[in-house]
Structure formats: structure tokens, C-alpha cells
N, C-alpha and C. Protein backbone atom coordinates (compact mmCIF):
# COMPACT_ATOMS: atom_id res chain seq x y z
N MET A 1 -12.85 -19.10 -4.24
CA MET A 1 -14.11 -18.48 -3.87
C MET A 1 -14.11 -17.02 -3.80
N PHE A 2 -13.49 -16.48 -2.64
CA PHE A 2 -13.45 -14.91 -2.72
C PHE A 2 -11.97 -14.53 -3.02
N LYS A 3 -11.56 -13.81 -4.11
CA LYS A 3 -10.32 -13.51 -4.39
C LYS A 3 -9.99 -12.01 -3.91
N ILE A 4 -8.98 -11.87 -2.92
CA ILE A 4 -8.50 -10.68 -2.43
C ILE A 4 -8.14 -9.61 -3.76
N LYS A 5 -8.38 -8.47 -3.48
CA LYS A 5 -8.08 -7.55 -4.66
C LYS A 5 -6.82 -7.15 -4.47
N ASP A 6 -6.35 -6.51 -3.29
CA ASP A 6 -4.99 -6.16 -3.15
C ASP A 6 -4.50 -6.42 -1.69
N LYS A 7 -3.59 -7.49 -1.97
CA LYS A 7 -3.00 -8.23 -0.68
C LYS A 7 -2.29 -6.99 0.32
N LYS A 8 -1.66 -6.03 -0.33
CA LYS A 8 -0.90 -5.16 0.40
C LYS A 8 -1.85 -4.19 1.23
N ALA A 9 -2.96 -3.84 0.58
CA ALA A 9 -4.00 -3.01 0.99
C ALA A 9 -4.66 -3.72 2.23
N PHE A 10 -4.90 -5.02 2.11
CA PHE A 10 -5.56 -5.83 3.33
C PHE A 10 -4.56 -5.99 4.51
N ILE A 11 -3.24 -6.23 4.16
CA ILE A 11 -2.34 -6.34 5.14
C ILE A 11 -2.23 -5.09 5.88
N PHE A 12 -2.07 -3.90 5.19
CA PHE A 12 -2.01 -2.54 5.88
C PHE A 12 -3.30 -2.29 6.88
N TYR A 13 -4.29 -2.58 6.19
CA TYR A 13 -5.49 -2.38 7.06
C TYR A 13 -5.52 -3.15 8.32
N PHE A 14 -5.32 -4.60 8.10
CA PHE A 14 -5.40 -5.47 9.32
C PHE A 14 -4.27 -5.01 10.45
N LEU A 15 -3.18 -4.87 10.11
CA LEU A 15 -2.02 -4.58 10.90
C LEU A 15 -2.36 -3.12 11.63
N MET A 16 -2.54 -2.22 10.72
CA MET A 16 -2.80 -0.86 11.39
C MET A 16 -4.11 -0.63 12.13
N SER A 17 -5.02 -1.40 11.92
CA SER A 17 -6.27 -1.41 12.79
C SER A 17 -5.94 -1.95 14.09
N ILE A 18 -5.17 -3.10 14.27
CA ILE A 18 -4.63 -3.48 15.58
C ILE A 18 -3.84 -2.61 16.28
N ILE A 19 -2.73 -2.08 15.56
CA ILE A 19 -1.95 -1.00 16.12
C ILE A 19 -2.57 0.14 16.59
N LEU A 20 -3.55 0.83 15.88
CA LEU A 20 -4.24 1.92 16.31
C LEU A 20 -5.18 1.77 17.50
N ALA A 21 -5.73 0.39 17.52
CA ALA A 21 -6.51 0.07 18.78
C ALA A 21 -5.71 0.00 19.90
N ASP A 22 -4.52 -0.61 19.83
CA ASP A 22 -3.61 -0.60 20.92
C ASP A 22 -3.05 0.75 21.35
N PHE A 23 -2.88 1.67 20.52
CA PHE A 23 -2.45 2.97 20.66
C PHE A 23 -3.65 3.81 21.41
N GLY A 24 -4.99 3.45 21.17
CA GLY A 24 -6.06 4.04 21.77
C GLY A 24 -6.12 3.53 23.33
N ASN A 25 -5.87 2.34 23.34
CA ASN A 25 -5.76 1.73 24.69
C ASN A 25 -4.69 2.34 25.62
N GLY A 26 -3.46 2.57 24.98
CA GLY A 26 -2.35 3.29 25.73
C GLY A 26 -2.76 4.75 26.02
N ILE A 27 -3.54 5.45 25.32
CA ILE A 27 -3.95 6.72 25.64
C ILE A 27 -4.90 6.69 26.78
N LYS A 28 -5.80 5.79 26.78
CA LYS A 28 -6.74 5.55 27.83
C LYS A 28 -6.03 5.38 29.20
N LYS A 29 -4.91 4.50 29.17
CA LYS A 29 -4.19 4.20 30.38
C LYS A 29 -3.56 5.54 30.88
N LEU A 30 -2.97 6.19 29.98
CA LEU A 30 -2.43 7.74 30.42
C LEU A 30 -3.24 8.52 31.01
N SER A 31 -4.67 8.40 30.63
CA SER A 31 -5.57 9.39 31.23
C SER A 31 -5.70 9.12 32.82
N TYR A 32 -5.46 7.99 33.27
CA TYR A 32 -5.44 7.64 34.56
C TYR A 32 -4.35 8.31 35.54
N VAL A 33 -3.29 8.88 34.76
CA VAL A 33 -2.24 9.35 35.53
C VAL A 33 -2.65 10.81 35.88
N PRO A 34 -2.54 11.09 37.28
CA PRO A 34 -2.86 12.48 37.89
C PRO A 34 -2.29 13.62 37.18
N LYS A 35 -0.95 13.52 36.81
CA LYS A 35 -0.06 14.58 36.15
C LYS A 35 -0.75 14.96 34.85
N VAL A 36 -1.18 13.84 34.02
CA VAL A 36 -1.73 14.08 32.71
C VAL A 36 -3.26 14.79 32.84
N GLN A 37 -3.86 14.47 33.94
CA GLN A 37 -5.34 14.86 34.23
C GLN A 37 -4.98 16.42 34.63
N GLU A 38 -3.84 16.93 35.50
CA GLU A 38 -3.74 18.32 35.59
C GLU A 38 -3.43 19.01 34.48
N PHE A 39 -2.52 18.45 33.67
CA PHE A 39 -2.01 19.14 32.53
C PHE A 39 -3.24 19.58 31.54
N PHE A 40 -4.14 18.66 31.37
CA PHE A 40 -5.26 18.66 30.55
C PHE A 40 -6.55 19.43 31.09
N ASP A 41 -6.49 19.65 32.42
CA ASP A 41 -7.57 20.27 33.07
C ASP A 41 -7.53 21.78 32.95
N ASN A 42 -8.09 22.33 31.82
CA ASN A 42 -8.13 23.66 31.59
C ASN A 42 -9.42 24.13 30.94
N SER A 43 -9.58 25.37 30.36
CA SER A 43 -10.71 25.86 29.84
C SER A 43 -11.17 25.04 28.40
N PHE A 44 -10.23 24.35 27.92
CA PHE A 44 -10.53 23.78 26.67
C PHE A 44 -10.86 22.29 26.93
N ILE A 45 -10.22 21.49 27.53
CA ILE A 45 -10.54 20.06 27.71
C ILE A 45 -10.14 19.75 29.15
N SER A 46 -10.86 18.70 29.57
CA SER A 46 -10.55 18.07 30.81
C SER A 46 -10.59 16.40 30.75
N ILE A 47 -9.86 16.06 31.69
CA ILE A 47 -9.77 14.43 31.66
C ILE A 47 -10.39 13.88 32.93
N PHE A 48 -11.31 13.05 32.80
CA PHE A 48 -11.85 12.24 33.87
C PHE A 48 -12.47 11.03 33.29
N HIS A 49 -12.95 10.26 34.16
CA HIS A 49 -13.61 8.90 33.70
C HIS A 49 -15.08 8.66 34.00
N ILE A 50 -15.75 8.36 32.84
CA ILE A 50 -17.11 8.10 32.87
C ILE A 50 -17.18 6.72 32.29
N TYR A 51 -17.98 5.98 32.94
CA TYR A 51 -18.06 4.43 32.22
C TYR A 51 -19.58 4.47 31.54
N ASN A 52 -19.36 4.06 30.13
CA ASN A 52 -20.55 4.16 29.51
C ASN A 52 -21.02 2.77 28.90
N THR A 53 -22.24 2.32 29.28
CA THR A 53 -22.52 1.08 28.93
C THR A 53 -23.38 1.00 27.49
N GLY A 54 -23.44 2.38 26.96
CA GLY A 54 -24.22 2.49 25.81
C GLY A 54 -23.32 2.80 24.60
N GLY A 55 -23.85 3.30 23.55
CA GLY A 55 -23.12 3.59 22.42
C GLY A 55 -22.91 5.19 22.33
N ALA A 56 -22.73 5.73 21.08
CA ALA A 56 -22.41 7.04 20.85
C ALA A 56 -23.46 7.88 21.56
N PHE A 57 -23.26 9.07 22.48
CA PHE A 57 -24.14 9.86 23.11
C PHE A 57 -25.08 9.16 24.04
N SER A 58 -24.42 8.07 24.57
CA SER A 58 -25.21 7.02 25.50
C SER A 58 -26.41 6.54 25.04
N ILE A 59 -26.53 6.30 23.83
CA ILE A 59 -27.90 5.75 23.36
C ILE A 59 -27.61 4.17 23.43
N LEU A 60 -28.74 3.43 23.60
CA LEU A 60 -28.85 2.13 23.77
C LEU A 60 -28.07 1.54 25.10
N GLN A 61 -28.30 2.28 26.13
CA GLN A 61 -27.72 2.13 27.46
C GLN A 61 -27.95 0.65 27.83
N ASN A 62 -27.22 -0.10 28.58
CA ASN A 62 -27.34 -1.51 29.00
C ASN A 62 -27.57 -2.45 27.91
N GLN A 63 -27.30 -2.27 26.61
CA GLN A 63 -27.40 -2.98 25.57
C GLN A 63 -26.16 -3.55 25.02
N THR A 64 -25.30 -3.98 26.04
CA THR A 64 -24.08 -4.44 25.67
C THR A 64 -24.02 -5.63 24.64
N ASN A 65 -24.81 -6.74 24.83
CA ASN A 65 -24.66 -7.67 23.99
C ASN A 65 -25.12 -7.20 22.46
N PHE A 66 -25.89 -6.37 22.34
CA PHE A 66 -26.44 -5.88 20.95
C PHE A 66 -25.24 -5.06 20.51
N LEU A 67 -24.65 -4.17 21.15
CA LEU A 67 -23.45 -3.33 20.86
C LEU A 67 -22.28 -4.20 20.46
N ILE A 68 -21.92 -5.40 21.05
CA ILE A 68 -20.93 -6.26 20.74
C ILE A 68 -21.39 -6.89 19.46
N ILE A 69 -22.47 -7.39 19.15
CA ILE A 69 -22.88 -7.92 17.98
C ILE A 69 -22.81 -7.10 16.83
N LEU A 70 -23.25 -5.92 17.09
CA LEU A 70 -23.15 -4.77 16.02
C LEU A 70 -21.70 -4.35 15.72
N SER A 71 -20.91 -4.33 16.75
CA SER A 71 -19.39 -4.04 16.48
C SER A 71 -18.78 -5.11 15.61
N ILE A 72 -19.02 -6.34 16.02
CA ILE A 72 -18.47 -7.60 15.18
C ILE A 72 -18.99 -7.56 13.79
N ALA A 73 -20.26 -7.24 13.58
CA ALA A 73 -20.87 -7.22 12.22
C ALA A 73 -20.15 -6.09 11.31
N THR A 74 -19.96 -4.90 12.14
CA THR A 74 -19.42 -3.67 11.33
C THR A 74 -17.95 -4.22 10.95
N LEU A 75 -17.26 -4.71 12.03
CA LEU A 75 -15.84 -5.04 11.55
C LEU A 75 -15.67 -6.13 10.48
N LEU A 76 -16.42 -7.23 10.54
CA LEU A 76 -16.60 -8.19 9.29
C LEU A 76 -17.02 -7.36 8.08
N PHE A 77 -17.89 -6.65 8.08
CA PHE A 77 -18.41 -5.95 6.85
C PHE A 77 -17.25 -5.11 6.23
N ILE A 78 -16.60 -4.37 7.19
CA ILE A 78 -15.54 -3.47 6.64
C ILE A 78 -14.29 -4.39 6.17
N ALA A 79 -13.97 -5.33 6.87
CA ALA A 79 -12.97 -6.12 6.50
C ALA A 79 -13.14 -6.87 5.02
N PHE A 80 -14.31 -7.37 5.00
CA PHE A 80 -14.75 -7.96 3.72
C PHE A 80 -14.70 -7.07 2.51
N HIS A 81 -15.00 -5.60 2.85
CA HIS A 81 -15.10 -4.70 1.85
C HIS A 81 -13.54 -4.42 1.59
N VAL A 82 -12.86 -4.22 2.50
CA VAL A 82 -11.26 -4.01 2.17
C VAL A 82 -10.69 -5.15 1.34
N TYR A 83 -11.03 -6.48 1.85
CA TYR A 83 -10.58 -7.65 1.20
C TYR A 83 -11.07 -7.58 -0.26
N LYS A 84 -12.23 -7.34 -0.65
CA LYS A 84 -12.73 -7.42 -1.97
C LYS A 84 -12.54 -6.28 -2.81
N GLU A 85 -12.44 -4.93 -2.25
CA GLU A 85 -12.54 -3.75 -2.97
C GLU A 85 -11.47 -2.84 -2.87
N ALA A 86 -10.71 -2.91 -1.76
CA ALA A 86 -9.70 -1.67 -1.63
C ALA A 86 -8.49 -1.96 -2.32
N GLU A 87 -7.92 -0.97 -2.58
CA GLU A 87 -6.46 -0.94 -3.43
C GLU A 87 -5.64 -0.01 -2.43
N PHE A 88 -4.39 -0.46 -2.51
CA PHE A 88 -3.41 0.34 -1.65
C PHE A 88 -3.39 1.79 -2.20
N LYS A 89 -3.42 1.97 -3.47
CA LYS A 89 -3.32 3.25 -4.11
C LYS A 89 -4.32 4.12 -3.47
N ASP A 90 -5.43 3.73 -3.21
CA ASP A 90 -6.49 4.48 -2.73
C ASP A 90 -6.25 4.78 -1.19
N LYS A 91 -5.17 5.59 -0.68
CA LYS A 91 -4.72 5.52 0.68
C LYS A 91 -5.67 6.30 1.45
N THR A 92 -6.50 7.21 0.91
CA THR A 92 -7.60 8.12 1.79
C THR A 92 -8.58 7.07 2.10
N SER A 93 -9.30 6.31 1.32
CA SER A 93 -10.24 5.47 1.89
C SER A 93 -9.73 4.28 2.66
N LEU A 94 -8.52 3.92 2.46
CA LEU A 94 -7.93 2.81 3.24
C LEU A 94 -7.73 3.26 4.61
N ILE A 95 -7.08 4.55 4.77
CA ILE A 95 -6.87 5.04 5.98
C ILE A 95 -8.24 5.33 6.74
N ALA A 96 -9.25 5.85 5.96
CA ALA A 96 -10.44 6.18 6.73
C ALA A 96 -10.98 4.85 7.17
N LEU A 97 -11.13 3.85 6.48
CA LEU A 97 -11.57 2.49 6.88
C LEU A 97 -10.87 2.01 8.04
N THR A 98 -9.54 2.24 8.05
CA THR A 98 -8.64 1.66 9.09
C THR A 98 -9.03 2.27 10.52
N LEU A 99 -9.15 3.68 10.53
CA LEU A 99 -9.45 4.35 11.56
C LEU A 99 -11.07 4.00 12.08
N PHE A 100 -11.82 3.85 11.28
CA PHE A 100 -13.15 3.32 11.73
C PHE A 100 -13.11 1.92 12.41
N SER A 101 -12.35 1.05 11.71
CA SER A 101 -12.34 -0.27 12.31
C SER A 101 -11.38 -0.14 13.64
N SER A 102 -10.38 0.64 13.68
CA SER A 102 -9.65 0.69 14.95
C SER A 102 -10.38 1.25 16.18
N GLY A 103 -11.15 2.12 15.83
CA GLY A 103 -11.85 2.78 16.76
C GLY A 103 -13.16 1.67 17.34
N THR A 104 -13.90 1.06 16.20
CA THR A 104 -14.68 -0.09 16.53
C THR A 104 -14.18 -1.05 17.25
N LEU A 105 -12.98 -1.57 16.97
CA LEU A 105 -12.16 -2.70 17.56
C LEU A 105 -11.68 -2.33 19.06
N GLY A 106 -11.32 -1.13 19.31
CA GLY A 106 -10.91 -0.76 20.45
C GLY A 106 -12.14 -0.73 21.74
N ASN A 107 -13.30 -0.03 21.20
CA ASN A 107 -14.49 -0.02 21.97
C ASN A 107 -14.98 -1.41 22.23
N LEU A 108 -15.11 -2.36 21.10
CA LEU A 108 -15.40 -3.74 21.28
C LEU A 108 -14.48 -4.45 22.40
N ILE A 109 -13.29 -4.40 22.28
CA ILE A 109 -12.43 -5.07 23.27
C ILE A 109 -12.76 -4.55 24.62
N GLU A 110 -13.10 -3.32 24.87
CA GLU A 110 -13.24 -2.84 26.25
C GLU A 110 -14.59 -3.14 26.66
N ARG A 111 -15.52 -3.12 25.76
CA ARG A 111 -16.83 -3.73 26.00
C ARG A 111 -16.93 -5.24 26.39
N VAL A 112 -16.21 -5.99 25.60
CA VAL A 112 -16.08 -7.41 25.95
C VAL A 112 -15.43 -7.69 27.22
N GLN A 113 -14.41 -6.98 27.61
CA GLN A 113 -13.58 -7.21 28.76
C GLN A 113 -14.54 -6.62 29.88
N ASN A 114 -14.98 -5.44 29.92
CA ASN A 114 -15.63 -4.75 30.99
C ASN A 114 -17.03 -4.59 31.05
N GLY A 115 -17.78 -4.92 29.97
CA GLY A 115 -19.22 -4.72 29.75
C GLY A 115 -19.54 -3.17 29.52
N GLN A 116 -18.45 -2.25 29.40
CA GLN A 116 -18.84 -0.88 29.13
C GLN A 116 -17.22 -0.23 28.56
N VAL A 117 -17.48 0.98 28.13
CA VAL A 117 -16.25 1.67 27.67
C VAL A 117 -16.05 2.72 28.59
N THR A 118 -14.65 3.10 28.57
CA THR A 118 -14.37 4.30 29.41
C THR A 118 -14.27 5.56 28.57
N ASP A 119 -15.01 6.62 28.90
CA ASP A 119 -15.02 7.81 28.28
C ASP A 119 -14.21 8.87 29.05
N TYR A 120 -13.38 9.74 28.56
CA TYR A 120 -12.50 10.57 29.45
C TYR A 120 -12.27 11.79 29.08
N PHE A 121 -12.36 12.08 27.62
CA PHE A 121 -12.27 13.54 27.25
C PHE A 121 -13.56 14.20 27.22
N LYS A 122 -13.44 15.45 27.93
CA LYS A 122 -14.46 16.44 28.16
C LYS A 122 -14.19 17.82 27.55
N LEU A 123 -15.03 18.06 26.59
CA LEU A 123 -14.48 19.52 26.02
C LEU A 123 -15.39 20.59 26.93
N ASN A 124 -14.56 21.55 27.37
CA ASN A 124 -15.06 22.69 28.24
C ASN A 124 -15.63 23.80 27.72
N PHE A 125 -15.34 23.99 26.40
CA PHE A 125 -15.94 25.32 25.78
C PHE A 125 -17.41 25.13 25.39
N PHE A 126 -17.93 24.11 25.26
CA PHE A 126 -19.38 23.89 24.92
C PHE A 126 -19.86 22.49 25.50
N ASP A 127 -21.15 22.37 25.70
CA ASP A 127 -21.69 21.19 26.27
C ASP A 127 -21.74 20.15 25.25
N PHE A 128 -20.84 19.17 25.54
CA PHE A 128 -20.66 18.04 24.47
C PHE A 128 -20.44 16.78 25.37
N PRO A 129 -20.95 15.64 24.96
CA PRO A 129 -20.75 14.39 25.89
C PRO A 129 -19.40 14.02 25.86
N VAL A 130 -18.94 13.34 27.03
CA VAL A 130 -17.54 12.83 27.19
C VAL A 130 -17.49 11.80 26.33
N PHE A 131 -16.08 11.61 25.81
CA PHE A 131 -15.81 10.68 24.58
C PHE A 131 -14.28 10.12 24.99
N ASN A 132 -13.96 9.21 24.04
CA ASN A 132 -12.77 8.65 24.22
C ASN A 132 -11.91 8.59 22.85
N THR A 133 -10.68 8.12 22.86
CA THR A 133 -9.90 8.15 21.69
C THR A 133 -10.55 7.11 20.62
N PHE A 134 -11.18 6.01 20.91
CA PHE A 134 -11.79 5.35 19.80
C PHE A 134 -12.82 5.88 19.24
N ASP A 135 -13.72 6.82 19.97
CA ASP A 135 -14.72 7.56 19.31
C ASP A 135 -14.35 8.58 18.29
N ILE A 136 -13.05 9.23 18.69
CA ILE A 136 -12.60 10.06 17.68
C ILE A 136 -12.04 9.32 16.37
N MET A 137 -11.55 8.20 16.65
CA MET A 137 -11.04 7.41 15.43
C MET A 137 -12.39 7.04 14.40
N ILE A 138 -13.45 6.56 15.15
CA ILE A 138 -14.56 6.28 14.35
C ILE A 138 -15.11 7.48 13.68
N CYS A 139 -15.38 8.62 14.40
CA CYS A 139 -15.89 9.68 13.69
C CYS A 139 -14.95 10.21 12.63
N LEU A 140 -13.55 10.31 12.95
CA LEU A 140 -12.64 10.78 11.91
C LEU A 140 -12.62 9.76 10.68
N GLY A 141 -12.66 8.67 10.86
CA GLY A 141 -12.77 7.62 9.80
C GLY A 141 -14.03 7.85 9.00
N ILE A 142 -15.25 7.86 9.59
CA ILE A 142 -16.31 8.16 8.84
C ILE A 142 -16.37 9.45 8.07
N PHE A 143 -15.89 10.50 8.75
CA PHE A 143 -15.93 11.82 7.94
C PHE A 143 -14.93 11.66 6.85
N ILE A 144 -13.71 11.25 6.99
CA ILE A 144 -12.96 11.23 5.85
C ILE A 144 -13.43 10.49 4.89
N TYR A 145 -13.97 9.15 5.15
CA TYR A 145 -14.47 8.30 3.91
C TYR A 145 -15.79 8.86 3.32
N THR A 146 -16.48 9.58 4.12
CA THR A 146 -17.66 10.31 3.47
C THR A 146 -17.20 11.49 2.43
N VAL A 147 -16.36 12.33 2.89
CA VAL A 147 -15.65 13.11 1.96
C VAL A 147 -15.19 12.55 0.68
N PHE A 148 -14.34 11.44 0.98
CA PHE A 148 -13.72 10.69 -0.16
C PHE A 148 -14.78 10.30 -1.02
N VAL A 149 -15.82 9.64 -0.54
CA VAL A 149 -16.95 9.12 -1.59
C VAL A 149 -17.56 10.34 -2.17
N LEU A 150 -17.87 11.35 -1.50
CA LEU A 150 -18.56 12.63 -2.15
C LEU A 150 -17.69 13.09 -3.16
N PHE A 151 -16.44 13.28 -2.98
CA PHE A 151 -15.51 13.75 -3.83
C PHE A 151 -15.35 12.80 -5.15
N GLU A 152 -15.14 11.51 -4.94
CA GLU A 152 -15.25 10.56 -6.00
C GLU A 152 -16.47 10.63 -6.81
N PHE A 153 -17.62 10.91 -6.30
CA PHE A 153 -18.63 11.02 -7.20
C PHE A 153 -19.12 12.09 -7.79
N LYS A 154 -18.36 13.09 -7.26
CA LYS A 154 -18.69 14.56 -7.82
C LYS A 154 -18.04 14.75 -9.18
N ILE A 155 -17.02 14.05 -9.41
CA ILE A 155 -16.32 14.14 -10.72
C ILE A 155 -17.16 13.59 -11.85
N PRO A 156 -17.44 12.26 -11.52
CA PRO A 156 -18.32 11.67 -12.64
C PRO A 156 -19.80 12.39 -12.69
N LEU A 157 -20.33 12.91 -11.84
CA LEU A 157 -21.58 13.59 -11.82
C LEU A 157 -21.29 14.92 -12.78
N GLN A 158 -20.29 15.51 -12.59
CA GLN A 158 -19.99 16.67 -13.38
C GLN A 158 -19.94 16.32 -14.75
N LYS A 159 -19.12 15.14 -15.06
CA LYS A 159 -18.95 14.73 -16.48
C LYS A 159 -20.35 14.54 -17.12
N LEU A 160 -21.25 13.88 -16.31
CA LEU A 160 -22.46 13.58 -16.83
C LEU A 160 -23.41 14.72 -17.01
N LYS A 161 -23.22 15.66 -16.21
CA LYS A 161 -24.08 16.89 -16.52
C LYS A 161 -23.56 17.51 -17.60
N LYS A 162 -22.22 17.72 -17.83
CA LYS A 162 -21.65 18.26 -19.06
C LYS A 162 -22.11 17.63 -20.27
N GLU A 163 -22.10 16.19 -20.22
CA GLU A 163 -22.60 15.57 -21.57
C GLU A 163 -24.05 15.80 -21.70
N ASN A 164 -24.85 15.96 -20.88
CA ASN A 164 -26.29 16.06 -20.80
C ASN A 164 -26.58 17.52 -21.60
N ASN A 165 -25.61 18.47 -20.98
CA ASN A 165 -25.83 19.90 -21.42
C ASN A 165 -25.29 19.89 -22.99
N ASP A 166 -24.30 19.09 -23.37
CA ASP A 166 -23.72 19.06 -24.78
C ASP A 166 -24.85 18.49 -25.59
N ASN A 167 -25.45 17.40 -25.10
CA ASN A 167 -26.47 16.82 -26.08
C ASN A 167 -27.68 17.78 -26.28
N ASN A 168 -28.06 18.58 -25.40
CA ASN A 168 -29.23 19.44 -25.63
C ASN A 168 -28.94 20.66 -26.43
């Protein structure tokens, strides 16, 4: 039926997604330690706890079931994409998709267990919403993957442009 493209890539993706989600959960637990809070409470960053029943920037507040379904669908889509398309040699895209899935999985687990996620990092040098480790993973994964895709498509577009110029 469906044939895996690169078993090594899928195993890496699957295991690292779980490991990074667990890592993010460990960081969250560390943020409850008063000494850690004191260490980070400075002009750059502070650590405290806000419970968020919504998504990024608190959108979709109290839409927990929808966010759970959206997270599951996202994870299934990415896993299927990695299963069918990813190759271990494309480490940049594999790492980006792993980061995105890890963050999504971490937030999903917390949302299922508690009906909300715990946000704890607050940047003090400008007004920015409080966020968590999983949010960082999601944003970093999306950023890396976007840059990777843009870079991958830039080269063929340059060749196409050159060919068009040569034909004129």
C-alpha cells in the first residue's frame, strides 16, 4: 500500500520527536524551581507561569477540543509526509519537521492532560506574549523548514530564469 521512502529517516524523526517532547516537559518542570526562576528573573527574561487554554498568542481561547484535533491532524500529516517523502540525507528538513512535531506533540500532551498549556518564558526587553519550550520548537521548526524550502526552490528558479534568458 504505502511504501516508506527512508526507514532511517522515519525512525530518526519518530524517536527524536518523542525525546524532544520529553526534553521540553523537563524544561517546564525546571521552571517551577524557585532558584531557576530567580536566576532568569532579569532585564532580558523572566520565568513565571500562565495557563493558556488557547493557541499561539492566545487565539482560540477555550477551544481545547478543536486545538487537540488540529494538533493530531498536524502530527499525522507531518508523519505521513516524513514516511513518504523524507530522506535521511536531507537533514535540515528532517530536523525542522522533527522540531515542529516535537513542539506540537508536547503542547498536545499537556492540552490533553490539563486542558491547557503552561507558558513560562517572558521576554522583558519588549512586549511579547509569554511562551514555552514547545512554542520555540514549533517556531524554529517552521522557520528552518521555510528557509530550506525557499533555498531549495531558489536554485531551480535561477536555472529556469537563465534558460529563458539564453533562449531570448
